[in-house]
Amino acid sequence: MGLFESSALVIGSVIGSGIFMTSGLIAGFLPYSGLMMATWLIAGMVTMIGAICYGELGAMFPRAGGAYVFLREAYGRAPAFLYGWTFFFVIGGAGIAAIAAGFAEYFGAVFPFAENTRELITLNLPLMRIDVTAGQLIAVTATVGLTYFNGMGLRRSVHGQSVFTIVRIIILIALIAAGVSFGIKTRAANMGPLLPSAGRWPNWSAFGAGLITAFWAFDGWYAVSCTAEEIRNPRRNIPRSLALGTAAVLVLYLGVNIVYSMALPMEQMRGIVRVGEAAVSAMFEQSASGLVALAFSAVVALTIFGCLSANIFFCARVPYAMARDGLFFRSLGVLHPLRQIPSRALWAQAAVSICLILTGTFQKLIDYVLFGLVFFFAATGAAVIVLRRKAPLAERPYRLRPYPLLPLVFSAVNAAIFIALAVEHPEQAIVAAGMICSGIPAYFLWNRRRNPIRAEAEGRSGDR
């Protein structure tokens, strides 16, 4: 992958259903268009700071695995393994399952025969009974099909990701153009009030809830760091693609939210999940609202499909990196002899996601994804500072500035989110901590058998 393809991967891994479904939730917490836009801007800026931090680390260690490699170099094998363990089963596995389920929901809205809740067959297994719905079947089919597609070879997969990304960018630009035209006609009457009057400002918990919701829509921005070994000139292109990709997403997200604010009064936007559909319907004649809703569902389904493909592509590189270090199933650390891609890791990640789709357990796990993400984001941001002190003479093709302000901000924001989530949802925090710590006995098991498939030339601080 060159700079264009790697930047497209960043954009494609982020833009899915989030931008069409989260703004109404944010408006429920912050019912003022100015505050809603400020929330998206802050979330985007923090994401860009994270991308800059990952840019320095990715240029230092251009290896498959992303944060797994960064945490290994900064803190050692055990913390890195816990990240990879959590990523495989929760962050990546449940994330892919949730995206696939979202695709199935919108696919069913376009094609009634595949309605999400329509039951098809019942599987009586020894320990459980599974009622397979049409939505689950569509989600599984999409996951299997895209895993097969991404396993056909890097060139074909990368071209596919780029095409999906271009199509989604065109869709969002068209939506922004239509919204601006509508806003000019109505003189943006729906955008007020921008800010609350004196004494009516929302409390800090409302700001925090809105910010967390916006962060969820930016998830996936770190994708290119996981695929470092498949990028041309990675020491140059990883930092650039991370910065360009996250900046492009931020600009598109701000533009779309301006459209929402011009199309819908804040009172109508508050709490609406399918806010994109509501906004588009409002911009057209009432007589055509049914057709508009159907077309919009098709557009969202296509957008989610592309996001699913990108996530399947990059998520498999984390278990591949672990297995190559001898800290996971050894067969997952082997590249396909002809296509030179981690095909076994692709199918292993798909298998976890399919199990979560069929059992529906991803719906429970997805509540804990954000706990894991922000915890390891905070640790990875701090890894920039740790490695500056631990290896001051190491080659750094890209050095972030201003240092140490940026990594401190990124780590502090994510740590604050983690603490806020734990205070607000202590039971979920305990379960999330249990999920992460469940990897401890697994680590000792694999570490005892450790026999890396491919020894790397560079010494690793975690091996010392």
Protein backbone atom coordinates (compact mmCIF):
# COMPACT_ATOMS: atom_id res chain seq x y z
CA MET A 1 0.00 0.00 0.00
CA GLY A 2 1.15 3.48 -0.84
CA LEU A 3 0.08 6.71 0.83
CA PHE A 4 -3.28 6.83 -0.98
CA GLU A 5 -4.22 3.24 -0.18
CA SER A 6 -3.14 3.46 3.45
CA SER A 7 -5.01 6.75 3.93
CA ALA A 8 -8.07 5.15 2.33
CA LEU A 9 -7.78 2.27 4.81
CA VAL A 10 -7.86 4.72 7.73
CA ILE A 11 -10.93 6.48 6.32
CA GLY A 12 -12.61 3.24 5.36
CA SER A 13 -12.13 1.67 8.79
CA VAL A 14 -13.85 4.61 10.48
CA ILE A 15 -16.78 5.64 8.28
CA GLY A 16 -19.58 3.16 8.86
CA SER A 17 -22.91 3.55 10.58
CA GLY A 18 -21.63 5.86 13.33
CA ILE A 19 -21.98 9.15 11.48
CA PHE A 20 -25.58 8.28 10.53
CA MET A 21 -26.67 7.15 14.01
CA THR A 22 -24.84 9.01 16.79
CA SER A 23 -25.58 12.70 16.27
CA GLY A 24 -29.14 12.32 17.53
CA LEU A 25 -27.81 10.68 20.69
CA ILE A 26 -25.34 13.53 21.20
CA ALA A 27 -28.17 16.02 20.67
CA GLY A 28 -30.03 14.25 23.46
CA PHE A 29 -27.22 15.18 25.84
CA LEU A 30 -26.39 18.58 24.31
CA PRO A 31 -29.49 20.03 22.57
CA TYR A 32 -27.67 22.97 20.99
CA SER A 33 -26.13 22.84 17.53
CA GLY A 34 -23.05 24.79 18.59
CA LEU A 35 -22.31 22.42 21.48
CA MET A 36 -22.94 19.37 19.30
CA MET A 37 -20.50 20.64 16.68
CA ALA A 38 -17.94 21.48 19.40
CA THR A 39 -18.26 17.91 20.72
CA TRP A 40 -17.51 16.44 17.29
CA LEU A 41 -14.59 18.86 16.85
CA ILE A 42 -13.05 17.96 20.23
CA ALA A 43 -13.46 14.23 19.59
CA GLY A 44 -11.86 14.64 16.17
CA MET A 45 -8.95 16.67 17.50
CA VAL A 46 -8.21 14.12 20.24
CA THR A 47 -8.37 11.38 17.62
CA MET A 48 -5.89 13.30 15.47
CA ILE A 49 -3.56 13.64 18.46
CA GLY A 50 -3.80 9.89 18.91
CA ALA A 51 -3.00 9.41 15.24
CA ILE A 52 0.12 11.57 15.65
CA CYS A 53 1.21 9.49 18.65
CA TYR A 54 0.69 6.28 16.70
CA GLY A 55 2.56 7.90 13.81
CA GLU A 56 5.76 8.22 15.85
CA LEU A 57 5.44 4.68 17.22
CA GLY A 58 4.49 3.21 13.84
CA ALA A 59 7.47 4.82 12.14
CA MET A 60 9.74 3.42 14.87
CA PHE A 61 8.29 -0.09 14.67
CA PRO A 62 6.82 -0.67 11.19
CA ARG A 63 5.60 -4.18 12.01
CA ALA A 64 2.24 -5.90 11.87
CA GLY A 65 0.18 -5.65 15.03
CA GLY A 66 -0.08 -1.93 15.77
CA ALA A 67 -0.55 -1.21 19.48
CA TYR A 68 0.41 -4.80 20.33
CA VAL A 69 3.94 -4.05 19.08
CA PHE A 70 4.06 -0.61 20.72
CA LEU A 71 2.99 -1.96 24.11
CA ARG A 72 5.44 -4.86 23.82
CA GLU A 73 8.34 -2.52 23.17
CA ALA A 74 7.35 -0.11 25.95
CA TYR A 75 6.16 -2.43 28.72
CA GLY A 76 7.04 -6.00 27.77
CA ARG A 77 5.28 -9.10 26.47
CA ALA A 78 2.63 -9.54 29.17
CA PRO A 79 0.81 -6.18 28.77
CA ALA A 80 1.06 -6.54 24.99
CA PHE A 81 -0.48 -10.01 25.18
CA LEU A 82 -3.38 -8.73 27.27
CA TYR A 83 -4.07 -6.11 24.60
CA GLY A 84 -3.94 -8.71 21.84
CA TRP A 85 -6.12 -11.11 23.83
CA THR A 86 -8.72 -8.39 24.44
CA PHE A 87 -8.51 -7.25 20.84
CA PHE A 88 -9.04 -10.72 19.38
CA PHE A 89 -12.09 -11.62 21.46
CA VAL A 90 -13.65 -8.25 22.32
CA ILE A 91 -12.40 -5.19 20.45
CA GLY A 92 -11.93 -6.85 17.08
CA GLY A 93 -14.22 -9.87 17.36
CA ALA A 94 -17.24 -8.12 18.87
CA GLY A 95 -16.56 -5.01 16.78
CA ILE A 96 -16.71 -6.95 13.50
CA ALA A 97 -19.83 -8.77 14.70
CA ALA A 98 -21.54 -5.48 15.56
CA ILE A 99 -20.68 -3.94 12.19
CA ALA A 100 -21.96 -7.05 10.41
CA ALA A 101 -25.20 -6.91 12.43
CA GLY A 102 -25.59 -3.24 11.52
CA PHE A 103 -25.18 -4.10 7.84
CA ALA A 104 -27.81 -6.84 8.17
CA GLU A 105 -30.28 -4.43 9.77
CA TYR A 106 -30.06 -1.93 6.91
CA PHE A 107 -29.93 -4.71 4.31
CA GLY A 108 -33.21 -6.01 5.73
CA ALA A 109 -34.72 -2.53 5.48
CA VAL A 110 -33.99 -2.53 1.74
CA PHE A 111 -34.92 -6.18 1.07
CA PRO A 112 -37.93 -7.23 3.19
CA PHE A 113 -37.26 -10.96 2.66
CA ALA A 114 -34.14 -10.50 4.82
CA GLU A 115 -35.90 -8.68 7.65
CA ASN A 116 -33.63 -8.70 10.67
CA THR A 117 -35.95 -10.48 13.13
CA ARG A 118 -37.37 -13.10 10.78
CA GLU A 119 -36.56 -16.56 12.20
CA LEU A 120 -35.28 -19.16 9.73
CA ILE A 121 -33.90 -22.21 11.53
CA THR A 122 -33.26 -23.48 15.05
CA LEU A 123 -29.98 -25.12 16.04
CA ASN A 124 -30.19 -27.41 19.07
CA LEU A 125 -26.63 -27.58 20.33
CA PRO A 126 -25.48 -29.55 23.40
CA LEU A 127 -25.16 -26.47 25.61
CA MET A 128 -27.55 -24.03 23.98
CA ARG A 129 -30.32 -23.47 21.50
CA ILE A 130 -29.75 -20.92 18.75
CA ASP A 131 -32.62 -19.42 16.75
CA VAL A 132 -31.01 -18.19 13.53
CA THR A 133 -32.73 -15.14 12.07
CA ALA A 134 -32.47 -13.72 8.58
CA GLY A 135 -30.41 -10.86 9.96
CA GLN A 136 -27.90 -13.22 11.54
CA LEU A 137 -27.63 -15.18 8.30
CA ILE A 138 -26.97 -12.00 6.32
CA ALA A 139 -24.37 -10.88 8.88
CA VAL A 140 -22.61 -14.25 8.77
CA THR A 141 -22.71 -14.34 4.96
CA ALA A 142 -21.21 -10.84 4.74
CA THR A 143 -18.46 -11.76 7.21
CA VAL A 144 -17.58 -14.98 5.37
CA GLY A 145 -17.71 -13.34 1.95
CA LEU A 146 -15.53 -10.39 2.92
CA THR A 147 -13.06 -12.64 4.74
CA TYR A 148 -12.74 -14.69 1.57
CA PHE A 149 -12.35 -11.49 -0.47
CA ASN A 150 -9.64 -10.12 1.82
CA GLY A 151 -7.87 -13.47 1.68
CA MET A 152 -7.58 -13.44 -2.12
CA GLY A 153 -4.45 -11.31 -2.06
CA LEU A 154 -3.21 -7.95 -0.87
CA ARG A 155 -3.50 -6.15 -4.20
CA ARG A 156 -7.12 -7.13 -4.79
CA SER A 157 -8.06 -6.47 -1.17
CA VAL A 158 -6.42 -3.05 -1.09
CA HIS A 159 -8.05 -2.03 -4.38
CA GLY A 160 -11.40 -3.12 -2.97
CA GLN A 161 -10.91 -1.07 0.21
CA SER A 162 -9.96 1.97 -1.85
CA VAL A 163 -13.04 1.66 -4.08
CA PHE A 164 -15.33 1.26 -1.07
CA THR A 165 -13.75 4.32 0.55
CA ILE A 166 -14.05 6.49 -2.56
CA VAL A 167 -17.72 5.57 -2.91
CA ARG A 168 -18.39 6.49 0.73
CA ILE A 169 -16.57 9.82 0.40
CA ILE A 170 -18.67 10.64 -2.68
CA ILE A 171 -21.84 9.72 -0.78
CA LEU A 172 -20.96 12.00 2.15
CA ILE A 173 -19.95 14.87 -0.14
CA ALA A 174 -23.26 14.50 -2.02
CA LEU A 175 -25.12 14.57 1.30
CA ILE A 176 -23.24 17.70 2.37
CA ALA A 177 -23.95 19.39 -0.98
CA ALA A 178 -27.67 18.56 -0.73
CA GLY A 179 -27.77 19.79 2.84
CA VAL A 180 -26.06 23.08 2.02
CA SER A 181 -28.57 23.65 -0.81
CA PHE A 182 -31.44 22.94 1.58
CA GLY A 183 -29.90 25.21 4.21
CA ILE A 184 -29.62 28.07 1.74
CA LYS A 185 -33.32 27.71 0.87
CA THR A 186 -34.39 27.73 4.53
CA ARG A 187 -31.73 30.26 5.55
CA ALA A 188 -30.48 27.71 8.09
CA ALA A 189 -33.49 28.42 10.28
CA ASN A 190 -33.17 25.09 12.09
CA MET A 191 -29.66 25.69 13.40
CA GLY A 192 -30.67 27.86 16.32
CA PRO A 193 -30.04 28.11 19.14
CA LEU A 194 -26.31 27.60 18.78
CA LEU A 195 -25.57 27.96 22.50
CA PRO A 196 -27.65 27.86 25.67
CA SER A 197 -28.56 31.02 27.49
CA ALA A 198 -26.84 31.99 30.74
CA GLY A 199 -27.57 29.59 33.57
CA ARG A 200 -28.86 26.82 31.31
CA TRP A 201 -25.59 25.19 30.32
CA PRO A 202 -25.56 21.38 30.51
CA ASN A 203 -23.53 19.79 33.29
CA TRP A 204 -20.18 18.10 32.79
CA SER A 205 -21.68 14.62 32.69
CA ALA A 206 -23.71 15.64 29.63
CA PHE A 207 -20.55 16.88 27.90
CA GLY A 208 -18.78 13.65 28.82
CA ALA A 209 -21.60 11.45 27.53
CA GLY A 210 -21.70 13.36 24.25
CA LEU A 211 -17.93 13.16 23.85
CA ILE A 212 -17.86 9.40 24.49
CA THR A 213 -20.58 8.89 21.88
CA ALA A 214 -18.61 10.89 19.32
CA PHE A 215 -15.42 8.94 20.06
CA TRP A 216 -17.26 5.73 19.21
CA ALA A 217 -17.93 7.04 15.69
CA PHE A 218 -14.17 7.62 15.19
CA ASP A 219 -13.14 4.09 16.15
CA GLY A 220 -10.90 2.32 13.63
CA TRP A 221 -8.57 5.27 12.96
CA TYR A 222 -5.54 3.20 14.06
CA ALA A 223 -6.11 0.58 11.31
CA VAL A 224 -3.02 1.37 9.27
CA SER A 225 -0.67 0.81 12.22
CA CYS A 226 -1.82 -2.83 12.30
CA THR A 227 -0.82 -3.38 8.65
CA ALA A 228 2.60 -1.70 8.75
CA GLU A 229 4.46 -4.52 6.98
CA GLU A 230 2.16 -4.20 3.97
CA ILE A 231 2.88 -0.51 3.40
CA ARG A 232 5.50 0.87 1.04
CA ASN A 233 8.01 3.10 2.83
CA PRO A 234 6.18 2.65 6.16
CA ARG A 235 8.42 4.98 8.15
CA ARG A 236 7.18 7.80 5.95
CA ASN A 237 3.67 6.71 4.98
CA ILE A 238 2.34 5.49 8.35
CA PRO A 239 2.48 8.93 10.06
CA ARG A 240 1.21 10.66 6.93
CA SER A 241 -1.68 8.30 6.31
CA LEU A 242 -2.78 8.43 9.94
CA ALA A 243 -2.79 12.24 9.90
CA LEU A 244 -4.43 12.57 6.46
CA GLY A 245 -7.02 9.89 7.13
CA THR A 246 -8.17 11.21 10.50
CA ALA A 247 -8.21 14.81 9.22
CA ALA A 248 -10.38 13.79 6.25
CA VAL A 249 -12.82 11.96 8.52
CA LEU A 250 -13.07 14.96 10.84
CA VAL A 251 -13.84 17.34 7.95
CA LEU A 252 -16.49 15.00 6.53
CA TYR A 253 -18.08 14.45 9.95
CA LEU A 254 -18.28 18.19 10.65
CA GLY A 255 -19.84 18.78 7.24
CA VAL A 256 -22.47 16.07 7.73
CA ASN A 257 -23.37 17.39 11.19
CA ILE A 258 -23.86 20.87 9.78
CA VAL A 259 -26.32 19.28 7.35
CA TYR A 260 -28.18 17.57 10.20
CA SER A 261 -28.42 20.89 12.06
CA MET A 262 -29.82 22.67 8.99
CA ALA A 263 -32.27 19.89 8.14
CA LEU A 264 -33.74 19.20 11.59
CA PRO A 265 -34.51 21.42 14.57
CA MET A 266 -32.62 20.26 17.63
CA GLU A 267 -35.86 19.26 19.36
CA GLN A 268 -36.60 16.82 16.53
CA MET A 269 -33.04 15.52 16.48
CA ARG A 270 -32.81 14.73 20.20
CA GLY A 271 -32.51 11.03 20.91
CA ILE A 272 -33.12 9.88 17.32
CA VAL A 273 -30.94 6.91 16.43
CA ARG A 274 -31.44 7.03 12.65
CA VAL A 275 -30.79 10.76 12.53
CA GLY A 276 -29.28 10.60 9.02
CA GLU A 277 -32.44 9.05 7.62
CA ALA A 278 -34.60 11.64 9.39
CA ALA A 279 -32.47 14.52 8.09
CA VAL A 280 -32.54 13.31 4.47
CA SER A 281 -36.29 12.73 4.60
CA ALA A 282 -36.79 16.27 5.91
CA MET A 283 -34.87 17.72 2.97
CA PHE A 284 -37.24 16.22 0.40
CA GLU A 285 -40.96 16.38 -0.27
CA GLN A 286 -43.16 14.47 2.17
CA SER A 287 -44.67 12.48 -0.71
CA ALA A 288 -41.25 11.06 -1.55
CA SER A 289 -40.18 10.34 2.03
CA GLY A 290 -40.76 6.58 1.73
CA LEU A 291 -38.58 6.31 -1.36
CA VAL A 292 -35.96 8.55 0.21
CA ALA A 293 -35.86 6.39 3.34
CA LEU A 294 -35.43 3.25 1.23
CA ALA A 295 -32.62 4.82 -0.82
CA PHE A 296 -30.93 6.09 2.31
CA SER A 297 -31.05 2.63 3.90
CA ALA A 298 -29.34 1.25 0.80
CA VAL A 299 -26.64 3.92 1.05
CA VAL A 300 -26.03 3.20 4.73
CA ALA A 301 -25.92 -0.56 4.06
CA LEU A 302 -23.25 0.03 1.39
CA THR A 303 -21.29 2.29 3.74
CA ILE A 304 -21.35 -0.28 6.56
CA PHE A 305 -20.38 -3.04 4.12
CA GLY A 306 -17.22 -1.14 3.19
CA CYS A 307 -16.43 -0.48 6.86
CA LEU A 308 -16.88 -4.19 7.61
CA SER A 309 -14.44 -5.12 4.86
CA ALA A 310 -11.79 -2.71 6.17
CA ASN A 311 -12.14 -3.95 9.75
CA ILE A 312 -11.86 -7.60 8.70
CA PHE A 313 -8.73 -6.65 6.76
CA PHE A 314 -6.81 -4.96 9.56
CA CYS A 315 -8.07 -6.76 12.69
CA ALA A 316 -6.50 -10.08 11.67
CA ARG A 317 -3.01 -8.55 11.78
CA VAL A 318 -3.05 -8.40 15.60
CA PRO A 319 -3.46 -12.17 16.27
CA TYR A 320 -1.00 -12.77 13.43
CA ALA A 321 1.64 -10.67 15.19
CA MET A 322 0.99 -12.41 18.51
CA ALA A 323 1.24 -15.87 16.94
CA ARG A 324 4.45 -14.93 15.18
CA ASP A 325 5.93 -14.08 18.58
CA GLY A 326 4.88 -17.49 19.88
CA LEU A 327 2.21 -15.96 22.14
CA PHE A 328 -0.83 -17.33 20.34
CA PHE A 329 -1.83 -20.30 18.18
CA ARG A 330 1.26 -20.89 16.05
CA SER A 331 -0.65 -21.60 12.85
CA LEU A 332 -2.06 -18.05 12.89
CA GLY A 333 1.44 -16.61 12.52
CA VAL A 334 2.02 -18.19 9.10
CA LEU A 335 1.55 -16.30 5.83
CA HIS A 336 -0.13 -17.90 2.86
CA PRO A 337 2.72 -19.29 0.70
CA LEU A 338 1.48 -17.63 -2.50
CA ARG A 339 -0.61 -14.65 -1.47
CA GLN A 340 1.65 -13.63 1.44
CA ILE A 341 -1.23 -12.64 3.70
CA PRO A 342 -2.18 -14.01 7.16
CA SER A 343 -5.09 -16.03 5.80
CA ARG A 344 -5.39 -18.29 8.85
CA ALA A 345 -5.54 -15.30 11.17
CA LEU A 346 -8.24 -13.79 8.92
CA TRP A 347 -10.41 -16.88 9.24
CA ALA A 348 -9.74 -17.25 12.97
CA GLN A 349 -10.89 -13.67 13.59
CA ALA A 350 -13.92 -14.33 11.36
CA ALA A 351 -14.75 -17.50 13.31
CA VAL A 352 -14.84 -15.58 16.60
CA SER A 353 -17.08 -12.91 15.06
CA ILE A 354 -19.44 -15.50 13.54
CA CYS A 355 -19.83 -17.25 16.90
CA LEU A 356 -20.67 -13.92 18.51
CA ILE A 357 -23.18 -13.13 15.75
CA LEU A 358 -25.00 -16.47 16.00
CA THR A 359 -25.16 -16.45 19.80
CA GLY A 360 -25.93 -12.75 20.01
CA THR A 361 -23.29 -12.34 22.71
CA PHE A 362 -21.62 -9.50 20.81
CA GLN A 363 -24.50 -7.28 21.97
CA LYS A 364 -23.31 -7.80 25.54
CA LEU A 365 -19.62 -7.58 24.71
CA ILE A 366 -19.99 -4.36 22.74
CA ASP A 367 -20.79 -2.54 26.00
CA TYR A 368 -17.27 -3.37 27.15
CA VAL A 369 -15.42 -2.53 23.93
CA LEU A 370 -15.07 1.13 24.86
CA PHE A 371 -13.60 0.21 28.26
CA GLY A 372 -10.88 -1.83 26.57
CA LEU A 373 -10.23 0.73 23.85
CA VAL A 374 -9.74 3.78 26.07
CA PHE A 375 -7.68 1.81 28.61
CA PHE A 376 -5.19 0.65 25.98
CA PHE A 377 -5.28 4.02 24.18
CA ALA A 378 -4.12 5.66 27.41
CA ALA A 379 -1.34 3.08 27.79
CA THR A 380 -0.23 3.48 24.16
CA GLY A 381 -0.13 7.27 24.38
CA ALA A 382 2.04 6.96 27.48
CA ALA A 383 4.25 4.51 25.56
CA VAL A 384 5.54 7.46 23.51
CA ILE A 385 6.96 9.00 26.68
CA VAL A 386 8.19 5.66 28.05
CA LEU A 387 10.10 4.90 24.85
CA ARG A 388 11.58 8.41 24.66
CA ARG A 389 13.11 7.74 28.07
CA LYS A 390 13.80 4.04 27.59
CA ALA A 391 15.35 4.27 24.13
CA PRO A 392 16.41 7.91 23.60
CA LEU A 393 18.89 7.01 20.85
CA ALA A 394 16.49 4.81 18.85
CA GLU A 395 15.80 5.89 15.30
CA ARG A 396 12.65 8.00 15.05
CA PRO A 397 11.90 8.86 11.43
CA TYR A 398 8.97 10.93 12.69
CA ARG A 399 9.03 12.82 16.00
CA LEU A 400 5.77 14.32 17.19
CA ARG A 401 5.71 17.89 18.43
CA PRO A 402 5.01 19.49 20.84
CA TYR A 403 6.40 16.80 23.13
CA PRO A 404 5.37 15.68 25.74
CA LEU A 405 2.16 17.70 25.49
CA LEU A 406 0.47 15.62 22.78
CA PRO A 407 0.95 12.15 24.31
CA LEU A 408 0.04 13.53 27.74
CA VAL A 409 -3.21 14.99 26.39
CA PHE A 410 -4.12 11.79 24.55
CA SER A 411 -3.39 9.58 27.56
CA ALA A 412 -5.09 11.93 30.01
CA VAL A 413 -8.29 12.22 27.96
CA ASN A 414 -8.59 8.47 27.53
CA ALA A 415 -7.75 7.82 31.18
CA ALA A 416 -10.42 10.36 32.19
CA ILE A 417 -12.97 8.64 29.96
CA PHE A 418 -12.07 5.28 31.46
CA ILE A 419 -12.46 6.60 35.01
CA ALA A 420 -15.75 8.32 34.14
CA LEU A 421 -17.11 5.12 32.60
CA ALA A 422 -16.00 3.10 35.62
CA VAL A 423 -17.68 5.53 38.04
CA GLU A 424 -20.86 5.68 35.97
CA HIS A 425 -21.00 1.94 35.22
CA PRO A 426 -19.01 0.13 37.94
CA GLU A 427 -20.46 -3.30 37.16
CA GLN A 428 -19.48 -3.03 33.50
CA ALA A 429 -16.02 -1.83 34.53
CA ILE A 430 -15.56 -4.90 36.72
CA VAL A 431 -16.66 -7.21 33.92
CA ALA A 432 -14.37 -5.42 31.43
CA ALA A 433 -11.44 -5.75 33.85
CA GLY A 434 -12.27 -9.43 34.22
CA MET A 435 -12.24 -9.90 30.44
CA ILE A 436 -8.82 -8.29 30.18
CA CYS A 437 -7.43 -10.23 33.15
CA SER A 438 -8.77 -13.51 31.76
CA GLY A 439 -5.80 -13.36 29.45
CA ILE A 440 -3.31 -13.68 32.33
CA PRO A 441 -3.44 -17.49 32.65
CA ALA A 442 -3.46 -17.76 28.85
CA TYR A 443 -0.31 -15.62 28.72
CA PHE A 444 1.56 -17.89 31.13
CA LEU A 445 0.47 -20.92 29.12
CA TRP A 446 1.73 -19.54 25.81
CA ASN A 447 4.80 -17.89 27.30
CA ARG A 448 5.89 -21.26 28.68
CA ARG A 449 5.63 -22.78 25.21
CA ARG A 450 7.08 -19.73 23.54
CA ASN A 451 8.90 -20.55 20.33
CA PRO A 452 8.59 -17.63 17.91
CA ILE A 453 7.94 -18.59 14.34
CA ARG A 454 10.11 -15.85 13.00
CA ALA A 455 12.86 -14.22 15.02
CA GLU A 456 13.16 -10.52 14.34
CA ALA A 457 16.49 -8.85 13.80
CA GLU A 458 15.89 -6.02 16.24
CA GLY A 459 16.18 -6.65 19.95
CA ARG A 460 12.96 -6.21 21.83
CA SER A 461 12.81 -4.58 25.17
CA GLY A 462 10.08 -7.01 26.21
CA ASP A 463 12.43 -9.95 25.64
CA ARG A 464 15.13 -8.67 27.95
